[in-house]
Amino acid sequence: MAPPLIAPDAVYWFSDGSHRGREAVLSAIAETFATIRDDIYQIDALEWITHSNGRAVCRYRFTWTGTVDGQPRSGTGCGTNVLVNNAGAWQLLHEHLSA
């Protein structure tokens, strides 16, 4: 079985709040997918700020479209991700999304 993609001690900062720990992050992501139907999420302008055998950091721009409460919605913003190599498996340790 593959290790989880989200680190156990992950911290995610979204426009609507912060979430600490894998379970809290997974719950926030599930709530987002339950709220936004037919979600299309795209990233571009991806830049790897730094990377080594143990850590990597990237930043990017994102756009999304979908349906919320039966109405078409969309948004844009910037994101930053910190990945760590835990025993040979890359995991997301931190994500910061802002509109």
PDB file of N, CA and C in Angstrom:
ATOM      1  N   MET A   1       0.833  -1.178   0.000  1.00  0.00           N
ATOM      2  CA  MET A   1       0.000   0.000   0.000  1.00  0.00           C
ATOM      3  C   MET A   1       0.885   1.252   0.000  1.00  0.00           C
ATOM      4  N   ALA A   2       0.533   2.226  -0.827  1.00  0.00           N
ATOM      5  CA  ALA A   2       1.306   3.459  -0.928  1.00  0.00           C
ATOM      6  C   ALA A   2       1.075   4.333   0.307  1.00  0.00           C
ATOM      7  N   PRO A   3       2.105   5.055   0.740  1.00  0.00           N
ATOM      8  CA  PRO A   3       1.918   5.960   1.876  1.00  0.00           C
ATOM      9  C   PRO A   3       0.980   7.108   1.499  1.00  0.00           C
ATOM     10  N   PRO A   4       0.322   7.731   2.462  1.00  0.00           N
ATOM     11  CA  PRO A   4      -0.572   8.865   2.172  1.00  0.00           C
ATOM     12  C   PRO A   4       0.202  10.019   1.545  1.00  0.00           C
ATOM     13  N   LEU A   5      -0.464  10.790   0.697  1.00  0.00           N
ATOM     14  CA  LEU A   5       0.172  11.940   0.059  1.00  0.00           C
ATOM     15  C   LEU A   5       0.260  13.149   0.985  1.00  0.00           C
ATOM     16  N   ILE A   6      -0.538  13.149   2.044  1.00  0.00           N
ATOM     17  CA  ILE A   6      -0.539  14.259   2.990  1.00  0.00           C
ATOM     18  C   ILE A   6       0.172  13.800   4.262  1.00  0.00           C
ATOM     19  N   ALA A   7       1.152  14.597   4.704  1.00  0.00           N
ATOM     20  CA  ALA A   7       1.935  14.259   5.898  1.00  0.00           C
ATOM     21  C   ALA A   7       1.037  14.278   7.141  1.00  0.00           C
ATOM     22  N   PRO A   8       1.345  13.437   8.136  1.00  0.00           N
ATOM     23  CA  PRO A   8       0.526  13.386   9.352  1.00  0.00           C
ATOM     24  C   PRO A   8       0.409  14.732  10.059  1.00  0.00           C
ATOM     25  N   ASP A   9       1.470  15.542  10.027  1.00  0.00           N
ATOM     26  CA  ASP A   9       1.477  16.831  10.714  1.00  0.00           C
ATOM     27  C   ASP A   9       1.279  18.012   9.760  1.00  0.00           C
ATOM     28  N   ALA A  10       0.590  17.768   8.653  1.00  0.00           N
ATOM     29  CA  ALA A  10       0.359  18.799   7.642  1.00  0.00           C
ATOM     30  C   ALA A  10      -0.439  19.971   8.206  1.00  0.00           C
ATOM     31  N   VAL A  11      -0.171  21.151   7.651  1.00  0.00           N
ATOM     32  CA  VAL A  11      -0.934  22.359   7.954  1.00  0.00           C
ATOM     33  C   VAL A  11      -1.317  22.985   6.620  1.00  0.00           C
ATOM     34  N   TYR A  12      -2.624  23.166   6.414  1.00  0.00           N
ATOM     35  CA  TYR A  12      -3.125  23.784   5.188  1.00  0.00           C
ATOM     36  C   TYR A  12      -3.794  25.103   5.552  1.00  0.00           C
ATOM     37  N   TRP A  13      -3.458  26.150   4.827  1.00  0.00           N
ATOM     38  CA  TRP A  13      -4.082  27.459   5.002  1.00  0.00           C
ATOM     39  C   TRP A  13      -4.898  27.749   3.760  1.00  0.00           C
ATOM     40  N   PHE A  14      -6.212  27.792   3.926  1.00  0.00           N
ATOM     41  CA  PHE A  14      -7.127  28.115   2.831  1.00  0.00           C
ATOM     42  C   PHE A  14      -7.739  29.486   3.104  1.00  0.00           C
ATOM     43  N   SER A  15      -8.394  30.044   2.106  1.00  0.00           N
ATOM     44  CA  SER A  15      -9.035  31.356   2.276  1.00  0.00           C
ATOM     45  C   SER A  15     -10.061  31.339   3.398  1.00  0.00           C
ATOM     46  N   ASP A  16     -10.677  30.183   3.658  1.00  0.00           N
ATOM     47  CA  ASP A  16     -11.729  30.107   4.677  1.00  0.00           C
ATOM     48  C   ASP A  16     -11.238  29.597   6.030  1.00  0.00           C
ATOM     49  N   GLY A  17      -9.928  29.392   6.192  1.00  0.00           N
ATOM     50  CA  GLY A  17      -9.422  28.956   7.487  1.00  0.00           C
ATOM     51  C   GLY A  17      -8.219  28.046   7.389  1.00  0.00           C
ATOM     52  N   SER A  18      -7.691  27.685   8.549  1.00  0.00           N
ATOM     53  CA  SER A  18      -6.512  26.832   8.650  1.00  0.00           C
ATOM     54  C   SER A  18      -6.909  25.458   9.170  1.00  0.00           C
ATOM     55  N   HIS A  19      -6.141  24.455   8.762  1.00  0.00           N
ATOM     56  CA  HIS A  19      -6.435  23.074   9.136  1.00  0.00           C
ATOM     57  C   HIS A  19      -5.114  22.391   9.484  1.00  0.00           C
ATOM     58  N   ARG A  20      -5.056  21.769  10.674  1.00  0.00           N
ATOM     59  CA  ARG A  20      -3.816  21.174  11.170  1.00  0.00           C
ATOM     60  C   ARG A  20      -4.008  19.670  11.370  1.00  0.00           C
ATOM     61  N   GLY A  21      -3.096  18.894  10.783  1.00  0.00           N
ATOM     62  CA  GLY A  21      -3.146  17.439  10.889  1.00  0.00           C
ATOM     63  C   GLY A  21      -3.851  16.816   9.686  1.00  0.00           C
ATOM     64  N   ARG A  22      -3.398  15.608   9.322  1.00  0.00           N
ATOM     65  CA  ARG A  22      -3.920  14.940   8.123  1.00  0.00           C
ATOM     66  C   ARG A  22      -5.441  14.822   8.140  1.00  0.00           C
ATOM     67  N   GLU A  23      -6.023  14.396   9.259  1.00  0.00           N
ATOM     68  CA  GLU A  23      -7.475  14.195   9.305  1.00  0.00           C
ATOM     69  C   GLU A  23      -8.236  15.499   9.099  1.00  0.00           C
ATOM     70  N   ALA A  24      -7.769  16.584   9.711  1.00  0.00           N
ATOM     71  CA  ALA A  24      -8.423  17.890   9.536  1.00  0.00           C
ATOM     72  C   ALA A  24      -8.306  18.373   8.097  1.00  0.00           C
ATOM     73  N   VAL A  25      -7.142  18.163   7.495  1.00  0.00           N
ATOM     74  CA  VAL A  25      -6.931  18.559   6.100  1.00  0.00           C
ATOM     75  C   VAL A  25      -7.851  17.756   5.187  1.00  0.00           C
ATOM     76  N   LEU A  26      -7.899  16.439   5.390  1.00  0.00           N
ATOM     77  CA  LEU A  26      -8.762  15.598   4.562  1.00  0.00           C
ATOM     78  C   LEU A  26     -10.226  15.998   4.710  1.00  0.00           C
ATOM     79  N   SER A  27     -10.644  16.335   5.912  1.00  0.00           N
ATOM     80  CA  SER A  27     -12.017  16.773   6.141  1.00  0.00           C
ATOM     81  C   SER A  27     -12.319  18.073   5.395  1.00  0.00           C
ATOM     82  N   ALA A  28     -11.387  19.022   5.427  1.00  0.00           N
ATOM     83  CA  ALA A  28     -11.574  20.294   4.719  1.00  0.00           C
ATOM     84  C   ALA A  28     -11.650  20.075   3.212  1.00  0.00           C
ATOM     85  N   ILE A  29     -10.798  19.204   2.692  1.00  0.00           N
ATOM     86  CA  ILE A  29     -10.815  18.914   1.257  1.00  0.00           C
ATOM     87  C   ILE A  29     -12.139  18.248   0.876  1.00  0.00           C
ATOM     88  N   ALA A  30     -12.602  17.303   1.687  1.00  0.00           N
ATOM     89  CA  ALA A  30     -13.875  16.628   1.413  1.00  0.00           C
ATOM     90  C   ALA A  30     -15.032  17.629   1.425  1.00  0.00           C
ATOM     91  N   GLU A  31     -14.999  18.559   2.363  1.00  0.00           N
ATOM     92  CA  GLU A  31     -16.055  19.574   2.426  1.00  0.00           C
ATOM     93  C   GLU A  31     -16.050  20.451   1.172  1.00  0.00           C
ATOM     94  N   THR A  32     -14.861  20.795   0.695  1.00  0.00           N
ATOM     95  CA  THR A  32     -14.760  21.588  -0.529  1.00  0.00           C
ATOM     96  C   THR A  32     -15.365  20.835  -1.708  1.00  0.00           C
ATOM     97  N   PHE A  33     -15.017  19.551  -1.861  1.00  0.00           N
ATOM     98  CA  PHE A  33     -15.559  18.767  -2.976  1.00  0.00           C
ATOM     99  C   PHE A  33     -17.061  18.564  -2.845  1.00  0.00           C
ATOM    100  N   ALA A  34     -17.578  18.537  -1.623  1.00  0.00           N
ATOM    101  CA  ALA A  34     -19.025  18.402  -1.425  1.00  0.00           C
ATOM    102  C   ALA A  34     -19.759  19.705  -1.750  1.00  0.00           C
ATOM    103  N   THR A  35     -19.076  20.836  -1.580  1.00  0.00           N
ATOM    104  CA  THR A  35     -19.679  22.144  -1.815  1.00  0.00           C
ATOM    105  C   THR A  35     -19.617  22.550  -3.280  1.00  0.00           C
ATOM    106  N   ILE A  36     -18.495  22.294  -3.923  1.00  0.00           N
ATOM    107  CA  ILE A  36     -18.292  22.704  -5.316  1.00  0.00           C
ATOM    108  C   ILE A  36     -18.501  21.491  -6.216  1.00  0.00           C
ATOM    109  N   ARG A  37     -19.583  21.492  -6.947  1.00  0.00           N
ATOM    110  CA  ARG A  37     -19.884  20.397  -7.874  1.00  0.00           C
ATOM    111  C   ARG A  37     -19.220  20.675  -9.220  1.00  0.00           C
ATOM    112  N   ASP A  38     -18.872  19.624  -9.932  1.00  0.00           N
ATOM    113  CA  ASP A  38     -18.263  19.735 -11.273  1.00  0.00           C
ATOM    114  C   ASP A  38     -17.030  20.630 -11.258  1.00  0.00           C
ATOM    115  N   ASP A  39     -16.260  20.522 -10.190  1.00  0.00           N
ATOM    116  CA  ASP A  39     -15.076  21.362  -9.995  1.00  0.00           C
ATOM    117  C   ASP A  39     -14.005  21.057 -11.032  1.00  0.00           C
ATOM    118  N   ILE A  40     -13.486  22.110 -11.632  1.00  0.00           N
ATOM    119  CA  ILE A  40     -12.313  22.013 -12.501  1.00  0.00           C
ATOM    120  C   ILE A  40     -11.264  22.934 -11.899  1.00  0.00           C
ATOM    121  N   TYR A  41     -10.145  22.345 -11.496  1.00  0.00           N
ATOM    122  CA  TYR A  41      -9.069  23.072 -10.810  1.00  0.00           C
ATOM    123  C   TYR A  41      -7.827  22.957 -11.667  1.00  0.00           C
ATOM    124  N   GLN A  42      -7.227  24.094 -11.986  1.00  0.00           N
ATOM    125  CA  GLN A  42      -6.026  24.087 -12.818  1.00  0.00           C
ATOM    126  C   GLN A  42      -4.955  24.962 -12.183  1.00  0.00           C
ATOM    127  N   ILE A  43      -3.699  24.537 -12.359  1.00  0.00           N
ATOM    128  CA  ILE A  43      -2.578  25.366 -11.921  1.00  0.00           C
ATOM    129  C   ILE A  43      -1.737  25.728 -13.135  1.00  0.00           C
ATOM    130  N   ASP A  44      -1.088  26.881 -13.037  1.00  0.00           N
ATOM    131  CA  ASP A  44      -0.128  27.287 -14.071  1.00  0.00           C
ATOM    132  C   ASP A  44       0.935  28.159 -13.417  1.00  0.00           C
ATOM    133  N   ALA A  45       1.891  28.567 -14.190  1.00  0.00           N
ATOM    134  CA  ALA A  45       3.023  29.373 -13.699  1.00  0.00           C
ATOM    135  C   ALA A  45       3.706  28.691 -12.512  1.00  0.00           C
ATOM    136  N   LEU A  46       3.817  27.369 -12.570  1.00  0.00           N
ATOM    137  CA  LEU A  46       4.456  26.605 -11.502  1.00  0.00           C
ATOM    138  C   LEU A  46       5.952  26.910 -11.466  1.00  0.00           C
ATOM    139  N   GLU A  47       6.445  27.249 -10.278  1.00  0.00           N
ATOM    140  CA  GLU A  47       7.874  27.502 -10.068  1.00  0.00           C
ATOM    141  C   GLU A  47       8.343  26.684  -8.870  1.00  0.00           C
ATOM    142  N   TRP A  48       9.409  25.936  -9.050  1.00  0.00           N
ATOM    143  CA  TRP A  48      10.030  25.226  -7.933  1.00  0.00           C
ATOM    144  C   TRP A  48      11.029  26.183  -7.314  1.00  0.00           C
ATOM    145  N   ILE A  49      10.745  26.655  -6.118  1.00  0.00           N
ATOM    146  CA  ILE A  49      11.578  27.645  -5.440  1.00  0.00           C
ATOM    147  C   ILE A  49      12.869  27.011  -4.952  1.00  0.00           C
ATOM    148  N   THR A  50      12.737  25.816  -4.368  1.00  0.00           N
ATOM    149  CA  THR A  50      13.903  25.087  -3.893  1.00  0.00           C
ATOM    150  C   THR A  50      13.578  23.606  -3.841  1.00  0.00           C
ATOM    151  N   HIS A  51      14.591  22.788  -3.961  1.00  0.00           N
ATOM    152  CA  HIS A  51      14.387  21.347  -3.821  1.00  0.00           C
ATOM    153  C   HIS A  51      15.704  20.694  -3.443  1.00  0.00           C
ATOM    154  N   SER A  52      15.570  19.636  -2.662  1.00  0.00           N
ATOM    155  CA  SER A  52      16.716  18.841  -2.231  1.00  0.00           C
ATOM    156  C   SER A  52      16.230  17.409  -2.098  1.00  0.00           C
ATOM    157  N   ASN A  53      17.058  16.543  -1.549  1.00  0.00           N
ATOM    158  CA  ASN A  53      16.632  15.160  -1.344  1.00  0.00           C
ATOM    159  C   ASN A  53      15.528  15.048  -0.296  1.00  0.00           C
ATOM    160  N   GLY A  54      15.411  16.046   0.594  1.00  0.00           N
ATOM    161  CA  GLY A  54      14.465  15.942   1.692  1.00  0.00           C
ATOM    162  C   GLY A  54      13.288  16.893   1.653  1.00  0.00           C
ATOM    163  N   ARG A  55      13.416  17.996   0.900  1.00  0.00           N
ATOM    164  CA  ARG A  55      12.356  19.006   0.883  1.00  0.00           C
ATOM    165  C   ARG A  55      12.260  19.642  -0.505  1.00  0.00           C
ATOM    166  N   ALA A  56      11.049  20.113  -0.809  1.00  0.00           N
ATOM    167  CA  ALA A  56      10.818  20.860  -2.045  1.00  0.00           C
ATOM    168  C   ALA A  56       9.710  21.871  -1.792  1.00  0.00           C
ATOM    169  N   VAL A  57       9.842  23.037  -2.408  1.00  0.00           N
ATOM    170  CA  VAL A  57       8.845  24.091  -2.260  1.00  0.00           C
ATOM    171  C   VAL A  57       8.515  24.624  -3.652  1.00  0.00           C
ATOM    172  N   CYS A  58       7.205  24.757  -3.908  1.00  0.00           N
ATOM    173  CA  CYS A  58       6.776  25.330  -5.184  1.00  0.00           C
ATOM    174  C   CYS A  58       5.697  26.385  -4.940  1.00  0.00           C
ATOM    175  N   ARG A  59       5.554  27.271  -5.920  1.00  0.00           N
ATOM    176  CA  ARG A  59       4.466  28.246  -5.901  1.00  0.00           C
ATOM    177  C   ARG A  59       3.827  28.249  -7.284  1.00  0.00           C
ATOM    178  N   TYR A  60       2.584  28.692  -7.344  1.00  0.00           N
ATOM    179  CA  TYR A  60       1.832  28.611  -8.595  1.00  0.00           C
ATOM    180  C   TYR A  60       0.616  29.523  -8.527  1.00  0.00           C
ATOM    181  N   ARG A  61      -0.016  29.690  -9.655  1.00  0.00           N
ATOM    182  CA  ARG A  61      -1.307  30.366  -9.749  1.00  0.00           C
ATOM    183  C   ARG A  61      -2.351  29.291 -10.026  1.00  0.00           C
ATOM    184  N   PHE A  62      -3.568  29.495  -9.523  1.00  0.00           N
ATOM    185  CA  PHE A  62      -4.619  28.522  -9.793  1.00  0.00           C
ATOM    186  C   PHE A  62      -5.902  29.207 -10.239  1.00  0.00           C
ATOM    187  N   THR A  63      -6.713  28.460 -10.954  1.00  0.00           N
ATOM    188  CA  THR A  63      -8.063  28.871 -11.326  1.00  0.00           C
ATOM    189  C   THR A  63      -8.989  27.691 -11.062  1.00  0.00           C
ATOM    190  N   TRP A  64     -10.234  28.006 -10.743  1.00  0.00           N
ATOM    191  CA  TRP A  64     -11.213  26.941 -10.571  1.00  0.00           C
ATOM    192  C   TRP A  64     -12.566  27.409 -11.095  1.00  0.00           C
ATOM    193  N   THR A  65     -13.339  26.468 -11.560  1.00  0.00           N
ATOM    194  CA  THR A  65     -14.721  26.712 -11.941  1.00  0.00           C
ATOM    195  C   THR A  65     -15.549  25.550 -11.407  1.00  0.00           C
ATOM    196  N   GLY A  66     -16.811  25.814 -11.161  1.00  0.00           N
ATOM    197  CA  GLY A  66     -17.699  24.767 -10.676  1.00  0.00           C
ATOM    198  C   GLY A  66     -19.074  25.335 -10.399  1.00  0.00           C
ATOM    199  N   THR A  67     -19.888  24.527  -9.749  1.00  0.00           N
ATOM    200  CA  THR A  67     -21.249  24.918  -9.411  1.00  0.00           C
ATOM    201  C   THR A  67     -21.402  24.881  -7.893  1.00  0.00           C
ATOM    202  N   VAL A  68     -21.863  25.994  -7.318  1.00  0.00           N
ATOM    203  CA  VAL A  68     -22.096  26.099  -5.874  1.00  0.00           C
ATOM    204  C   VAL A  68     -23.551  26.514  -5.681  1.00  0.00           C
ATOM    205  N   ASP A  69     -24.288  25.717  -4.946  1.00  0.00           N
ATOM    206  CA  ASP A  69     -25.714  25.995  -4.720  1.00  0.00           C
ATOM    207  C   ASP A  69     -26.471  26.195  -6.031  1.00  0.00           C
ATOM    208  N   GLY A  70     -26.112  25.401  -7.036  1.00  0.00           N
ATOM    209  CA  GLY A  70     -26.797  25.452  -8.319  1.00  0.00           C
ATOM    210  C   GLY A  70     -26.386  26.586  -9.239  1.00  0.00           C
ATOM    211  N   GLN A  71     -25.445  27.412  -8.811  1.00  0.00           N
ATOM    212  CA  GLN A  71     -25.002  28.563  -9.599  1.00  0.00           C
ATOM    213  C   GLN A  71     -23.556  28.393 -10.042  1.00  0.00           C
ATOM    214  N   PRO A  72     -23.238  28.796 -11.285  1.00  0.00           N
ATOM    215  CA  PRO A  72     -21.835  28.721 -11.720  1.00  0.00           C
ATOM    216  C   PRO A  72     -20.973  29.689 -10.916  1.00  0.00           C
ATOM    217  N   ARG A  73     -19.820  29.223 -10.525  1.00  0.00           N
ATOM    218  CA  ARG A  73     -18.868  30.040  -9.767  1.00  0.00           C
ATOM    219  C   ARG A  73     -17.464  29.783 -10.302  1.00  0.00           C
ATOM    220  N   SER A  74     -16.566  30.722 -10.007  1.00  0.00           N
ATOM    221  CA  SER A  74     -15.167  30.551 -10.400  1.00  0.00           C
ATOM    222  C   SER A  74     -14.303  31.413  -9.498  1.00  0.00           C
ATOM    223  N   GLY A  75     -13.013  31.146  -9.515  1.00  0.00           N
ATOM    224  CA  GLY A  75     -12.086  31.926  -8.724  1.00  0.00           C
ATOM    225  C   GLY A  75     -10.661  31.725  -9.197  1.00  0.00           C
ATOM    226  N   THR A  76      -9.796  32.588  -8.716  1.00  0.00           N
ATOM    227  CA  THR A  76      -8.368  32.513  -9.031  1.00  0.00           C
ATOM    228  C   THR A  76      -7.588  32.801  -7.758  1.00  0.00           C
ATOM    229  N   GLY A  77      -6.331  32.447  -7.762  1.00  0.00           N
ATOM    230  CA  GLY A  77      -5.493  32.749  -6.621  1.00  0.00           C
ATOM    231  C   GLY A  77      -4.081  32.250  -6.799  1.00  0.00           C
ATOM    232  N   CYS A  78      -3.353  32.262  -5.689  1.00  0.00           N
ATOM    233  CA  CYS A  78      -1.965  31.812  -5.657  1.00  0.00           C
ATOM    234  C   CYS A  78      -1.833  30.704  -4.630  1.00  0.00           C
ATOM    235  N   GLY A  79      -0.912  29.801  -4.883  1.00  0.00           N
ATOM    236  CA  GLY A  79      -0.674  28.705  -3.957  1.00  0.00           C
ATOM    237  C   GLY A  79       0.803  28.484  -3.729  1.00  0.00           C
ATOM    238  N   THR A  80       1.109  27.942  -2.563  1.00  0.00           N
ATOM    239  CA  THR A  80       2.460  27.524  -2.206  1.00  0.00           C
ATOM    240  C   THR A  80       2.357  26.158  -1.549  1.00  0.00           C
ATOM    241  N   ASN A  81       3.228  25.240  -1.929  1.00  0.00           N
ATOM    242  CA  ASN A  81       3.260  23.911  -1.335  1.00  0.00           C
ATOM    243  C   ASN A  81       4.663  23.599  -0.836  1.00  0.00           C
ATOM    244  N   VAL A  82       4.724  22.953   0.328  1.00  0.00           N
ATOM    245  CA  VAL A  82       5.970  22.442   0.887  1.00  0.00           C
ATOM    246  C   VAL A  82       5.826  20.928   0.943  1.00  0.00           C
ATOM    247  N   LEU A  83       6.749  20.226   0.299  1.00  0.00           N
ATOM    248  CA  LEU A  83       6.752  18.767   0.305  1.00  0.00           C
ATOM    249  C   LEU A  83       7.968  18.283   1.061  1.00  0.00           C
ATOM    250  N   VAL A  84       7.812  17.158   1.765  1.00  0.00           N
ATOM    251  CA  VAL A  84       8.918  16.543   2.497  1.00  0.00           C
ATOM    252  C   VAL A  84       9.034  15.088   2.072  1.00  0.00           C
ATOM    253  N   ASN A  85      10.249  14.612   2.110  1.00  0.00           N
ATOM    254  CA  ASN A  85      10.507  13.214   1.779  1.00  0.00           C
ATOM    255  C   ASN A  85      10.574  12.437   3.091  1.00  0.00           C
ATOM    256  N   ASN A  86       9.527  11.665   3.362  1.00  0.00           N
ATOM    257  CA  ASN A  86       9.456  10.846   4.578  1.00  0.00           C
ATOM    258  C   ASN A  86       9.766   9.405   4.208  1.00  0.00           C
ATOM    259  N   ALA A  87      10.977   8.972   4.526  1.00  0.00           N
ATOM    260  CA  ALA A  87      11.400   7.585   4.279  1.00  0.00           C
ATOM    261  C   ALA A  87      11.197   7.174   2.825  1.00  0.00           C
ATOM    262  N   GLY A  88      11.532   8.089   1.913  1.00  0.00           N
ATOM    263  CA  GLY A  88      11.453   7.773   0.489  1.00  0.00           C
ATOM    264  C   GLY A  88      10.124   8.079  -0.166  1.00  0.00           C
ATOM    265  N   ALA A  89       9.144   8.564   0.590  1.00  0.00           N
ATOM    266  CA  ALA A  89       7.827   8.906   0.039  1.00  0.00           C
ATOM    267  C   ALA A  89       7.605  10.416   0.167  1.00  0.00           C
ATOM    268  N   TRP A  90       7.312  11.076  -0.939  1.00  0.00           N
ATOM    269  CA  TRP A  90       7.044  12.510  -0.916  1.00  0.00           C
ATOM    270  C   TRP A  90       5.641  12.760  -0.401  1.00  0.00           C
ATOM    271  N   GLN A  91       5.533  13.686   0.576  1.00  0.00           N
ATOM    272  CA  GLN A  91       4.250  14.035   1.164  1.00  0.00           C
ATOM    273  C   GLN A  91       4.114  15.554   1.258  1.00  0.00           C
ATOM    274  N   LEU A  92       2.865  16.017   1.145  1.00  0.00           N
ATOM    275  CA  LEU A  92       2.581  17.442   1.311  1.00  0.00           C
ATOM    276  C   LEU A  92       2.555  17.767   2.804  1.00  0.00           C
ATOM    277  N   LEU A  93       3.412  18.684   3.195  1.00  0.00           N
ATOM    278  CA  LEU A  93       3.485  19.120   4.595  1.00  0.00           C
ATOM    279  C   LEU A  93       2.690  20.406   4.806  1.00  0.00           C
ATOM    280  N   HIS A  94       2.685  21.271   3.791  1.00  0.00           N
ATOM    281  CA  HIS A  94       2.004  22.554   3.931  1.00  0.00           C
ATOM    282  C   HIS A  94       1.471  23.006   2.586  1.00  0.00           C
ATOM    283  N   GLU A  95       0.253  23.544   2.609  1.00  0.00           N
ATOM    284  CA  GLU A  95      -0.311  24.184   1.426  1.00  0.00           C
ATOM    285  C   GLU A  95      -0.931  25.493   1.882  1.00  0.00           C
ATOM    286  N   HIS A  96      -0.669  26.543   1.113  1.00  0.00           N
ATOM    287  CA  HIS A  96      -1.229  27.862   1.406  1.00  0.00           C
ATOM    288  C   HIS A  96      -1.888  28.360   0.128  1.00  0.00           C
ATOM    289  N   LEU A  97      -3.211  28.466   0.151  1.00  0.00           N
ATOM    290  CA  LEU A  97      -3.963  28.990  -0.982  1.00  0.00           C
ATOM    291  C   LEU A  97      -4.574  30.323  -0.579  1.00  0.00           C
ATOM    292  N   SER A  98      -4.455  31.300  -1.455  1.00  0.00           N
ATOM    293  CA  SER A  98      -5.092  32.593  -1.185  1.00  0.00           C
ATOM    294  C   SER A  98      -5.683  33.136  -2.477  1.00  0.00           C
ATOM    295  N   ALA A  99      -6.801  33.799  -2.320  1.00  0.00           N
ATOM    296  CA  ALA A  99      -7.503  34.361  -3.485  1.00  0.00           C
ATOM    297  C   ALA A  99      -6.936  35.718  -3.823  1.00  0.00           C
TER     298      ALA A  99
END
